[in-house]
Structures are given as C-alpha cells and as structure tokens.
Amino acid sequence: QVQLVESGGGLVQAGGSLRLSCAASGRSFFGYALGWFRQASGKEREFLAHITWNGRRSYYSDSVKDRFTISRDNAKNTVTLQMNSLKPEDTAVYYCAAGPGTITSSQIMVQGSYIYWGQGTQVIVSS
C-alpha cells in the first residue's frame, strides 16, 4: 500500500510559478510510474504529466507541455511538478498518482492505469 500526499498548492498570479510535491509513505516509490492529473470545478479530471519508473522518460499533455516539468527522486520518495507561466485556466485541484512500472505510453492518460492517488492540492491562478 502506498499513501500519497500532495503539497505546494496555493494562490499565484498569472505568469507566476508553483512547485507541487507529492510524497509517498508506506512503501518505496521505486518501480512505480508516477503521474499528475488535475480537476477543475465542474470538469473531468485530466492528465497532465507522467514519468516512468526509472525517470528516463516523461510525457505531457499539450495543455502544459513546455510550461510544466515532472521529476522524481526515488531516494526521497517524492515526485514534483514544476509549473511555470501559470494561467487562470490552470486553476484546479492537482493530484499525483502511482501505478505499475509497466504502464505503456498509450495508457498514461487513463486514470484507471494508476493504483494509488493523493487527496489533491488546490491551485488558484488569479488574472
């Protein structure tokens, strides 16, 4: 069992940056693929970014590519999402998720590919 806890959310002006972190407890991150999703009010949860179990590959949705960066530190059991050039439309609750290392590139955007989820952290971007 893996427990995930996100942190780093808050209120930021448009054009600003935030760094979200997700810490795991219960067992090591090692071997798990990790992802970030978000859910805006009244909308479905959407995929943002994914990093493979070994950290060698990362994937991004078109909406955040070139603005967000996912990284992981297996020694510290953390995954981070560096968010730059934030826009009001980035306002949402952000979730980290962990899934088996065998998740393929065609599965990374599917919520059901991930086993463990955090409780979410709120990000508000003011205009």
Foldseek 3Di string as FASTA:
>chain_A
DKAKAKDFADEAAAQAKTKMKIAIDDDFLAQKKKFKWWDAPPGDIWGAKIAANVRPDMDGDPVQPPFWDWGDDRVRRMIMIIGGRDDQVVWTWMKMFIAGNPQDPVRRTPPVRTDYMYPTDTHGYHD
